[in-house]
Amino acid sequence: MTYYQKNAMFYRNFELGNLSQAESSLEKNPKAAKSKSKLLYFLNLGVVTSLQGKYEESNQYFEEAYRLADNYNRNYAHEVLAFFTNPMVVDYKGEDFEVLLLHYYKALNFLKMGDKSAALVECKRMNLRLQALSDKYDSTEKYRRDAFIHNLMGIIYEANGETNDAFIAYRNAVEIYREDYQKMFNVSLPEQLKKDLLRTAYQMGFYEELTKYETEFGFKHQAQSGTGDLVFFWHNGLGPVKSEWSLNFATSFRGGQVIFANEELGLRFPFPWEVRHNDEGRRIDALAGTDFLRVAFPRYIQRQPYFEGAELRWQNQIQRLELGEDLNAIAVKTLRQRMVWEMSKALLRVAVKRAEVSVLRKNKEYGWAVLLNAVNNFTEKADTRAWHSIPHSIYYTRMSLPAGKHAVDFQAYHNGTPKTWNFNFEIRKGQTIFHNFHSLESNTQIPNGYSQAW
């Protein structure tokens, strides 16, 4: 069973919007808090409690997840064991984007509680994570910078009155959207971000840069007074589900190497392998006779959102929400980036398993060889752990409103047909308030017992 299947009760309730039942299903499994997947246990609890408005409790779970991710230490004994079983025996450390995202959720929780100072702390933590991520990868083809997180940092800095830091964060976000996101994820520079960058440049008196960006963007900064701002984040749909798939590889020995090859996909993976001979000159290599291998690898099942777009409406003002982060695309991209490495590890894992069987056969311990081969086949699986309760994508907008209490409509569209939710907000002059909303609907339903071929 995959990780998603093992936690089917939680995901079924979560995806149907039965949030209290989803939370309860997690709490009924206290062993999960000490398992190899404990990071995901706390991340899921953080999401489901946040959606119920339990912001303080949610942040306690996210803080525990942060502690686990920040203090992650490789257990070499477990990593060796993984080559004899499967990678699920190693503690899950989280994808880079997942660790960044927990800070995003924490910051939103603090903003909902009105604690902007604590939200700024999460900004600084996010900034440290981003610096580490940039240092980790030197290729511009890899996910190593996050435009939306820089954008979020700018929004929070500006709401807290730190306009200079906000301008820097917005400027960084513009650069990353242009240089990375458009090419890798097909996510364009949001119009709202352009307006935010011009506004903070104007407020800081950076008139040279203001003129530069006005020329680049094709419009001028429009000053507003006597208003406050509503920043609205829309979490649309559900992120991809990690499953597994398999390939058959043929093996051959050449020049001190064992070569695993799949001709259909043009894949070849050589490993150094010592070939030994007995006193009679016959080869006694442990992998002899291993002609074909089945190897399991992780893959994502993508879930398409039910809604294609959304907007905020207040009186005659209509504000379209813009795509800021495509988490589905980031998840798929990061997995593909390391697929060669995943294949290499998986092939080495299977080779080690088959070598054990071959040694038993060589020693004529055929019964044990049959049993070990069955165990190896049973334990061969990919690492299917992932944070499955995140949205497919994040949209946002900023709406300027006069001071006072206002009813604002949120409309999401499916095939041109709107579905409306009503919200009430109290706006204060010169202040920014925040709200986030997650529509869980998806066009792709994952069956509880989905197969590897799904």
Protein backbone atom coordinates (compact mmCIF):
# COMPACT_ATOMS: atom_id res chain seq x y z
CA MET A 1 0.00 0.00 0.00
CA THR A 2 1.12 3.54 -0.71
CA TYR A 3 1.22 6.24 1.97
CA TYR A 4 -2.00 7.72 0.59
CA GLN A 5 -3.75 4.34 0.80
CA LYS A 6 -2.56 3.71 4.35
CA ASN A 7 -4.11 7.03 5.39
CA ALA A 8 -7.25 6.68 3.23
CA MET A 9 -9.64 7.51 6.09
CA PHE A 10 -8.02 10.88 6.72
CA TYR A 11 -7.82 11.82 3.04
CA ARG A 12 -11.37 10.69 2.30
CA ASN A 13 -12.75 12.90 5.07
CA PHE A 14 -10.45 15.80 4.23
CA GLU A 15 -11.33 15.81 0.54
CA LEU A 16 -15.06 15.73 1.36
CA GLY A 17 -14.66 18.67 3.73
CA ASN A 18 -15.36 16.59 6.86
CA LEU A 19 -12.58 18.38 8.69
CA SER A 20 -13.38 17.36 12.28
CA GLN A 21 -13.59 13.70 11.23
CA ALA A 22 -10.32 14.06 9.33
CA GLU A 23 -8.64 15.49 12.42
CA SER A 24 -10.10 12.73 14.56
CA SER A 25 -8.81 10.01 12.23
CA LEU A 26 -5.28 11.36 12.67
CA GLU A 27 -5.55 11.67 16.44
CA LYS A 28 -6.76 8.06 16.69
CA ASN A 29 -3.38 6.94 15.38
CA PRO A 30 -0.89 8.19 18.00
CA LYS A 31 1.83 5.87 16.66
CA ALA A 32 2.02 8.09 13.57
CA ALA A 33 3.56 10.87 15.68
CA LYS A 34 6.61 8.63 16.22
CA SER A 35 6.70 6.89 12.85
CA LYS A 36 9.10 7.39 9.94
CA SER A 37 6.42 9.65 8.43
CA LYS A 38 5.87 11.79 11.52
CA LEU A 39 6.67 14.99 9.61
CA LEU A 40 3.62 14.41 7.40
CA TYR A 41 1.50 13.58 10.44
CA PHE A 42 2.11 17.04 11.91
CA LEU A 43 1.81 18.80 8.55
CA ASN A 44 -1.62 17.23 7.92
CA LEU A 45 -2.77 18.12 11.43
CA GLY A 46 -1.57 21.66 10.86
CA VAL A 47 -3.64 22.03 7.70
CA VAL A 48 -6.85 20.47 8.99
CA THR A 49 -6.86 22.50 12.23
CA SER A 50 -6.07 25.74 10.36
CA LEU A 51 -9.05 25.19 8.06
CA GLN A 52 -11.22 24.88 11.17
CA GLY A 53 -10.00 28.21 12.52
CA LYS A 54 -7.85 26.65 15.25
CA TYR A 55 -4.92 28.84 14.33
CA GLU A 56 -2.93 28.59 17.56
CA GLU A 57 -3.28 24.81 17.69
CA SER A 58 -2.40 24.61 14.00
CA ASN A 59 0.80 26.54 14.54
CA GLN A 60 1.81 24.20 17.34
CA TYR A 61 1.64 21.31 14.88
CA PHE A 62 3.49 23.27 12.21
CA GLU A 63 6.16 24.27 14.72
CA GLU A 64 6.71 20.59 15.55
CA ALA A 65 6.99 19.88 11.82
CA TYR A 66 9.49 22.74 11.52
CA ARG A 67 11.54 21.28 14.38
CA LEU A 68 11.62 17.87 12.71
CA ALA A 69 12.64 19.32 9.33
CA ASP A 70 15.20 21.70 10.81
CA ASN A 71 16.83 19.06 13.01
CA TYR A 72 16.74 16.28 10.44
CA ASN A 73 19.79 14.05 10.71
CA ARG A 74 20.56 11.27 8.31
CA ASN A 75 20.42 7.83 9.92
CA TYR A 76 23.00 5.85 7.98
CA ALA A 77 21.90 2.54 9.49
CA HIS A 78 18.37 3.14 8.19
CA GLU A 79 19.70 4.21 4.78
CA VAL A 80 21.68 0.96 4.53
CA LEU A 81 18.58 -0.96 5.58
CA ALA A 82 16.66 0.79 2.79
CA PHE A 83 18.84 -1.00 0.24
CA PHE A 84 17.75 -4.34 1.67
CA THR A 85 14.04 -3.39 1.94
CA ASN A 86 12.72 -0.07 0.54
CA PRO A 87 13.11 3.70 1.17
CA MET A 88 10.03 3.84 3.42
CA VAL A 89 12.23 2.71 6.37
CA VAL A 90 14.02 6.08 6.31
CA ASP A 91 12.57 9.13 8.09
CA TYR A 92 10.73 11.39 5.66
CA LYS A 93 12.50 14.76 5.58
CA GLY A 94 10.09 16.60 3.26
CA GLU A 95 10.49 18.13 -0.17
CA ASP A 96 12.09 21.57 -0.33
CA PHE A 97 8.81 23.22 -1.34
CA GLU A 98 6.92 21.40 1.43
CA VAL A 99 9.24 22.79 4.11
CA LEU A 100 8.82 26.29 2.69
CA LEU A 101 5.06 25.83 2.59
CA LEU A 102 4.79 25.06 6.31
CA HIS A 103 6.17 28.54 7.02
CA TYR A 104 3.58 29.97 4.64
CA TYR A 105 0.78 28.29 6.59
CA LYS A 106 2.25 29.45 9.90
CA ALA A 107 2.50 33.03 8.65
CA LEU A 108 -1.15 32.96 7.50
CA ASN A 109 -2.23 31.61 10.88
CA PHE A 110 -0.41 34.42 12.68
CA LEU A 111 -1.95 36.99 10.34
CA LYS A 112 -5.44 35.63 11.05
CA MET A 113 -4.67 36.01 14.77
CA GLY A 114 -3.51 39.59 14.15
CA ASP A 115 0.09 38.87 15.14
CA LYS A 116 2.08 40.51 12.32
CA SER A 117 5.34 40.42 14.30
CA ALA A 118 5.17 36.63 14.56
CA ALA A 119 4.32 36.47 10.84
CA LEU A 120 7.53 38.43 10.18
CA VAL A 121 9.50 35.82 12.13
CA GLU A 122 8.18 33.23 9.68
CA CYS A 123 9.28 35.54 6.86
CA LYS A 124 12.83 35.49 8.21
CA ARG A 125 12.70 31.71 8.55
CA MET A 126 11.48 31.48 4.96
CA ASN A 127 14.31 33.74 3.84
CA LEU A 128 16.89 31.47 5.50
CA ARG A 129 15.30 28.45 3.80
CA LEU A 130 15.41 30.23 0.45
CA GLN A 131 19.10 31.09 0.90
CA ALA A 132 19.88 27.47 1.77
CA LEU A 133 17.89 26.26 -1.24
CA SER A 134 19.75 28.63 -3.56
CA ASP A 135 23.09 27.42 -2.17
CA LYS A 136 22.01 23.79 -2.55
CA TYR A 137 21.52 23.99 -6.31
CA ASP A 138 23.60 25.98 -8.78
CA SER A 139 21.62 25.04 -11.89
CA THR A 140 19.04 27.51 -13.19
CA GLU A 141 17.06 24.51 -14.43
CA LYS A 142 16.28 23.38 -10.89
CA TYR A 143 13.71 24.63 -8.39
CA ARG A 144 15.99 26.69 -6.18
CA ARG A 145 14.13 30.01 -5.83
CA ASP A 146 10.49 30.56 -4.89
CA ALA A 147 8.84 33.64 -6.37
CA PHE A 148 5.61 33.32 -4.42
CA ILE A 149 7.38 33.08 -1.06
CA HIS A 150 9.31 36.28 -1.85
CA ASN A 151 6.02 37.87 -2.89
CA LEU A 152 4.40 36.78 0.37
CA MET A 153 7.31 38.18 2.34
CA GLY A 154 6.83 41.51 0.60
CA ILE A 155 3.11 41.56 1.41
CA ILE A 156 3.76 40.84 5.09
CA TYR A 157 6.64 43.32 5.36
CA GLU A 158 4.48 46.03 3.82
CA ALA A 159 1.54 45.26 6.13
CA ASN A 160 3.93 45.64 9.06
CA GLY A 161 5.17 49.02 7.85
CA GLU A 162 8.59 47.81 6.69
CA THR A 163 8.30 49.29 3.22
CA ASN A 164 11.98 49.06 2.23
CA ASP A 165 12.12 45.34 2.98
CA ALA A 166 8.81 44.93 1.16
CA PHE A 167 10.22 46.63 -1.95
CA ILE A 168 13.27 44.34 -1.93
CA ALA A 169 11.10 41.23 -1.55
CA TYR A 170 8.76 42.35 -4.35
CA ARG A 171 11.72 43.09 -6.62
CA ASN A 172 13.18 39.63 -5.95
CA ALA A 173 9.80 38.06 -6.68
CA VAL A 174 9.53 39.90 -10.02
CA GLU A 175 12.96 38.64 -11.04
CA ILE A 176 12.16 35.01 -10.17
CA TYR A 177 8.76 35.03 -11.87
CA ARG A 178 10.42 36.34 -15.02
CA GLU A 179 13.56 34.19 -15.03
CA ASP A 180 12.37 30.91 -13.45
CA TYR A 181 8.63 30.55 -13.09
CA GLN A 182 7.59 31.46 -16.63
CA LYS A 183 9.99 28.91 -18.10
CA MET A 184 9.71 26.08 -15.57
CA PHE A 185 6.09 26.27 -14.40
CA ASN A 186 4.34 28.46 -17.00
CA VAL A 187 3.41 30.94 -14.25
CA SER A 188 3.46 34.56 -15.36
CA LEU A 189 4.34 37.66 -13.36
CA PRO A 190 1.11 38.69 -11.53
CA GLU A 191 -0.28 42.14 -12.31
CA GLN A 192 -0.87 42.70 -8.61
CA LEU A 193 2.82 42.20 -7.90
CA LYS A 194 3.66 44.86 -10.49
CA LYS A 195 1.34 47.31 -8.72
CA ASP A 196 2.82 46.45 -5.31
CA LEU A 197 6.37 47.00 -6.56
CA LEU A 198 5.48 50.40 -8.06
CA ARG A 199 3.66 51.48 -4.90
CA THR A 200 6.53 50.63 -2.54
CA ALA A 201 9.08 52.21 -4.90
CA TYR A 202 6.99 55.41 -4.85
CA GLN A 203 6.59 55.34 -1.06
CA MET A 204 10.35 54.89 -0.57
CA GLY A 205 11.17 57.69 -2.99
CA PHE A 206 12.99 55.34 -5.39
CA TYR A 207 11.90 57.43 -8.37
CA GLU A 208 14.55 56.17 -10.75
CA GLU A 209 13.49 52.57 -10.19
CA LEU A 210 9.84 53.62 -10.24
CA THR A 211 10.28 55.12 -13.71
CA LYS A 212 12.20 52.05 -14.87
CA TYR A 213 9.48 49.61 -13.80
CA GLU A 214 6.65 51.86 -15.05
CA THR A 215 8.29 51.72 -18.47
CA GLU A 216 8.75 47.93 -18.29
CA PHE A 217 5.21 47.26 -17.06
CA GLY A 218 3.53 49.69 -19.40
CA PHE A 219 1.49 51.59 -16.79
CA LYS A 220 2.05 54.19 -14.07
CA HIS A 221 1.57 54.01 -10.32
CA GLN A 222 -1.84 55.23 -9.17
CA ALA A 223 -1.83 56.61 -5.62
CA GLN A 224 -4.83 55.88 -3.36
CA SER A 225 -5.83 57.45 -0.07
CA GLY A 226 -8.41 56.89 2.60
CA THR A 227 -8.51 53.13 2.08
CA GLY A 228 -7.36 49.91 3.66
CA ASP A 229 -6.46 46.63 1.94
CA LEU A 230 -7.84 43.11 1.90
CA VAL A 231 -5.30 40.50 0.75
CA PHE A 232 -7.16 37.34 -0.21
CA PHE A 233 -5.43 33.97 -0.81
CA TRP A 234 -7.33 31.25 -2.64
CA HIS A 235 -6.13 27.65 -2.29
CA ASN A 236 -7.56 25.92 -5.33
CA GLY A 237 -8.05 22.17 -5.55
CA LEU A 238 -5.75 19.45 -4.25
CA GLY A 239 -2.08 18.69 -4.80
CA PRO A 240 -0.89 15.56 -6.61
CA VAL A 241 -0.89 12.11 -5.00
CA LYS A 242 2.40 10.24 -4.99
CA SER A 243 2.07 6.69 -6.27
CA GLU A 244 4.53 4.33 -7.90
CA TRP A 245 5.27 2.80 -11.27
CA SER A 246 7.65 0.09 -12.39
CA LEU A 247 10.05 -0.72 -15.21
CA ASN A 248 11.68 -3.93 -16.36
CA PHE A 249 15.45 -3.79 -16.79
CA ALA A 250 17.75 -6.29 -18.48
CA THR A 251 21.19 -6.78 -16.94
CA SER A 252 24.52 -7.50 -18.59
CA PHE A 253 28.16 -7.65 -17.43
CA ARG A 254 30.85 -5.72 -19.25
CA GLY A 255 34.32 -4.75 -18.17
CA GLY A 256 33.81 -4.94 -14.41
CA GLN A 257 30.37 -3.35 -14.58
CA VAL A 258 26.82 -4.55 -14.32
CA ILE A 259 24.62 -2.57 -16.71
CA PHE A 260 20.87 -2.18 -16.20
CA ALA A 261 19.17 -1.24 -19.45
CA ASN A 262 15.64 -0.47 -20.60
CA GLU A 263 15.83 -0.25 -24.39
CA GLU A 264 12.25 1.04 -24.75
CA LEU A 265 13.06 4.25 -22.90
CA GLY A 266 16.75 4.31 -23.81
CA LEU A 267 17.86 4.08 -20.16
CA ARG A 268 21.24 2.66 -19.13
CA PHE A 269 22.64 2.61 -15.59
CA PRO A 270 26.15 1.13 -15.09
CA PHE A 271 27.38 0.10 -11.65
CA PRO A 272 30.92 -1.10 -10.81
CA TRP A 273 30.75 -4.78 -9.90
CA GLU A 274 33.64 -7.10 -9.10
CA VAL A 275 33.50 -10.34 -11.09
CA ARG A 276 35.06 -13.24 -9.21
CA HIS A 277 35.99 -16.77 -10.30
CA ASN A 278 36.43 -20.02 -8.39
CA ASP A 279 39.48 -22.28 -8.48
CA GLU A 280 38.23 -23.90 -11.67
CA GLY A 281 37.95 -20.54 -13.43
CA ARG A 282 34.14 -20.39 -13.40
CA ARG A 283 32.47 -17.07 -12.67
CA ILE A 284 30.80 -17.01 -9.24
CA ASP A 285 29.45 -13.48 -9.43
CA ALA A 286 26.43 -13.10 -7.16
CA LEU A 287 24.32 -11.49 -9.88
CA ALA A 288 24.93 -14.22 -12.43
CA GLY A 289 21.67 -15.33 -13.98
CA THR A 290 19.88 -12.10 -13.14
CA ASP A 291 18.60 -11.27 -16.60
CA PHE A 292 15.52 -9.16 -15.84
CA LEU A 293 14.56 -7.00 -12.88
CA ARG A 294 11.36 -5.17 -11.96
CA VAL A 295 12.06 -1.89 -10.19
CA ALA A 296 9.55 0.50 -8.56
CA PHE A 297 9.85 4.28 -8.77
CA PRO A 298 7.78 7.16 -7.35
CA ARG A 299 5.38 9.07 -9.58
CA TYR A 300 2.66 11.68 -9.12
CA ILE A 301 -1.01 11.33 -10.00
CA GLN A 302 -2.07 14.89 -10.83
CA ARG A 303 -5.49 16.11 -9.71
CA GLN A 304 -7.00 18.81 -11.87
CA PRO A 305 -8.91 21.53 -9.97
CA TYR A 306 -12.67 21.79 -10.43
CA PHE A 307 -12.58 25.59 -10.65
CA GLU A 308 -10.70 27.37 -13.45
CA GLY A 309 -10.66 30.87 -11.95
CA ALA A 310 -12.13 33.20 -9.35
CA GLU A 311 -12.72 36.86 -8.50
CA LEU A 312 -13.64 39.12 -5.60
CA ARG A 313 -16.67 41.42 -5.95
CA TRP A 314 -17.55 44.48 -3.90
CA GLN A 315 -20.19 46.84 -5.25
CA ASN A 316 -18.98 47.69 -8.77
CA GLN A 317 -15.40 46.65 -8.08
CA ILE A 318 -14.29 43.27 -9.51
CA GLN A 319 -10.83 41.95 -8.70
CA ARG A 320 -9.56 38.83 -10.45
CA LEU A 321 -7.44 36.44 -8.40
CA GLU A 322 -4.10 35.66 -10.05
CA LEU A 323 -2.01 32.53 -9.98
CA GLY A 324 0.91 33.00 -7.62
CA GLU A 325 2.11 29.44 -7.00
CA ASP A 326 1.49 26.22 -8.93
CA LEU A 327 2.31 23.61 -6.28
CA ASN A 328 1.30 20.79 -8.58
CA ALA A 329 3.85 21.89 -11.19
CA ILE A 330 6.58 22.35 -8.56
CA ALA A 331 5.97 18.87 -7.11
CA VAL A 332 6.11 17.20 -10.53
CA LYS A 333 9.13 19.23 -11.62
CA THR A 334 11.20 18.50 -8.51
CA LEU A 335 10.50 14.76 -8.77
CA ARG A 336 11.48 14.70 -12.45
CA GLN A 337 14.66 16.63 -11.67
CA ARG A 338 15.92 13.84 -9.46
CA MET A 339 14.43 10.89 -11.36
CA VAL A 340 17.82 9.67 -12.61
CA TRP A 341 19.03 9.64 -9.00
CA GLU A 342 15.84 7.85 -7.89
CA MET A 343 16.33 5.23 -10.60
CA SER A 344 19.97 4.71 -9.66
CA LYS A 345 19.08 4.16 -6.00
CA ALA A 346 16.23 1.81 -6.88
CA LEU A 347 18.39 -0.29 -9.21
CA LEU A 348 21.15 -0.56 -6.65
CA ARG A 349 18.55 -1.58 -4.06
CA VAL A 350 17.19 -4.35 -6.29
CA ALA A 351 20.70 -5.47 -7.25
CA VAL A 352 21.63 -5.89 -3.60
CA LYS A 353 18.46 -7.90 -2.97
CA ARG A 354 19.07 -10.20 -5.94
CA ALA A 355 22.70 -10.65 -4.94
CA GLU A 356 21.58 -12.04 -1.59
CA VAL A 357 19.34 -14.57 -3.35
CA SER A 358 22.10 -15.59 -5.75
CA VAL A 359 24.51 -16.23 -2.88
CA LEU A 360 22.00 -18.60 -1.27
CA ARG A 361 21.50 -20.41 -4.56
CA LYS A 362 25.25 -20.73 -5.03
CA ASN A 363 25.43 -22.37 -1.62
CA LYS A 364 22.56 -24.69 -2.65
CA GLU A 365 20.27 -23.26 0.03
CA TYR A 366 17.37 -23.25 -2.41
CA GLY A 367 14.57 -23.11 0.17
CA TRP A 368 16.00 -20.02 1.80
CA ALA A 369 16.62 -18.52 -1.64
CA VAL A 370 12.96 -18.94 -2.61
CA LEU A 371 11.82 -17.43 0.70
CA LEU A 372 14.22 -14.48 0.45
CA ASN A 373 13.20 -13.84 -3.15
CA ALA A 374 9.55 -13.70 -2.07
CA VAL A 375 10.41 -11.27 0.74
CA ASN A 376 12.40 -9.10 -1.67
CA ASN A 377 9.50 -8.93 -4.12
CA PHE A 378 7.12 -8.13 -1.29
CA THR A 379 9.27 -5.30 0.07
CA GLU A 380 10.17 -3.74 -3.30
CA LYS A 381 8.35 -0.43 -3.42
CA ALA A 382 8.92 3.25 -4.05
CA ASP A 383 8.78 6.03 -1.47
CA THR A 384 5.22 7.32 -1.94
CA ARG A 385 5.17 9.73 0.98
CA ALA A 386 4.12 13.32 0.27
CA TRP A 387 2.09 16.16 1.77
CA HIS A 388 -1.21 15.34 0.03
CA SER A 389 -3.42 17.90 1.82
CA ILE A 390 -1.84 20.92 0.12
CA PRO A 391 -3.70 22.77 -2.66
CA HIS A 392 -3.07 22.29 -6.36
CA SER A 393 -2.30 26.01 -6.70
CA ILE A 394 -2.46 29.30 -4.80
CA TYR A 395 -4.10 32.44 -6.21
CA TYR A 396 -4.23 35.86 -4.59
CA THR A 397 -5.33 39.44 -5.02
CA ARG A 398 -5.34 42.74 -3.14
CA MET A 399 -8.57 44.76 -2.93
CA SER A 400 -8.51 48.33 -1.64
CA LEU A 401 -11.64 49.27 0.29
CA PRO A 402 -12.80 52.31 2.27
CA ALA A 403 -12.76 52.08 6.04
CA GLY A 404 -15.77 50.29 7.49
CA LYS A 405 -17.59 46.96 7.40
CA HIS A 406 -18.11 45.43 3.97
CA ALA A 407 -19.70 42.33 2.46
CA VAL A 408 -17.41 40.89 -0.19
CA ASP A 409 -18.36 38.07 -2.57
CA PHE A 410 -15.90 35.42 -3.67
CA GLN A 411 -16.90 33.76 -6.94
CA ALA A 412 -15.16 30.69 -8.38
CA TYR A 413 -15.96 29.49 -11.89
CA HIS A 414 -16.42 26.04 -13.39
CA ASN A 415 -17.15 25.99 -17.13
CA GLY A 416 -18.28 29.60 -16.85
CA THR A 417 -20.78 28.87 -14.05
CA PRO A 418 -20.05 30.77 -10.82
CA LYS A 419 -20.28 29.47 -7.26
CA THR A 420 -20.42 32.23 -4.67
CA TRP A 421 -19.26 32.48 -1.07
CA ASN A 422 -20.01 35.55 1.05
CA PHE A 423 -17.55 37.10 3.49
CA ASN A 424 -17.73 40.10 5.83
CA PHE A 425 -14.64 42.17 6.56
CA GLU A 426 -13.93 45.22 8.69
CA ILE A 427 -11.45 47.52 6.99
CA ARG A 428 -9.38 50.13 8.79
CA LYS A 429 -7.72 53.06 7.05
CA GLY A 430 -4.09 52.32 6.18
CA GLN A 431 -4.30 48.76 7.49
CA THR A 432 -4.12 45.40 5.71
CA ILE A 433 -6.22 42.39 6.68
CA PHE A 434 -5.75 38.85 5.39
CA HIS A 435 -8.00 35.98 4.51
CA ASN A 436 -7.44 32.58 2.92
CA PHE A 437 -9.97 30.14 1.52
CA HIS A 438 -9.47 26.55 0.32
CA SER A 439 -11.88 25.07 -2.25
CA LEU A 440 -11.31 21.32 -2.02
CA GLU A 441 -13.18 20.36 -5.18
CA SER A 442 -11.20 18.40 -7.76
CA ASN A 443 -11.97 16.92 -11.17
CA THR A 444 -9.77 13.90 -10.42
CA GLN A 445 -11.01 11.49 -7.79
CA ILE A 446 -8.46 9.02 -6.47
CA PRO A 447 -10.05 5.61 -5.80
CA ASN A 448 -9.29 4.22 -2.34
CA GLY A 449 -7.64 1.10 -3.71
CA TYR A 450 -5.99 2.65 -6.77
CA SER A 451 -3.49 0.45 -8.53
CA GLN A 452 0.02 1.21 -9.70
CA ALA A 453 -1.29 1.45 -13.24
CA TRP A 454 -3.72 4.27 -12.36
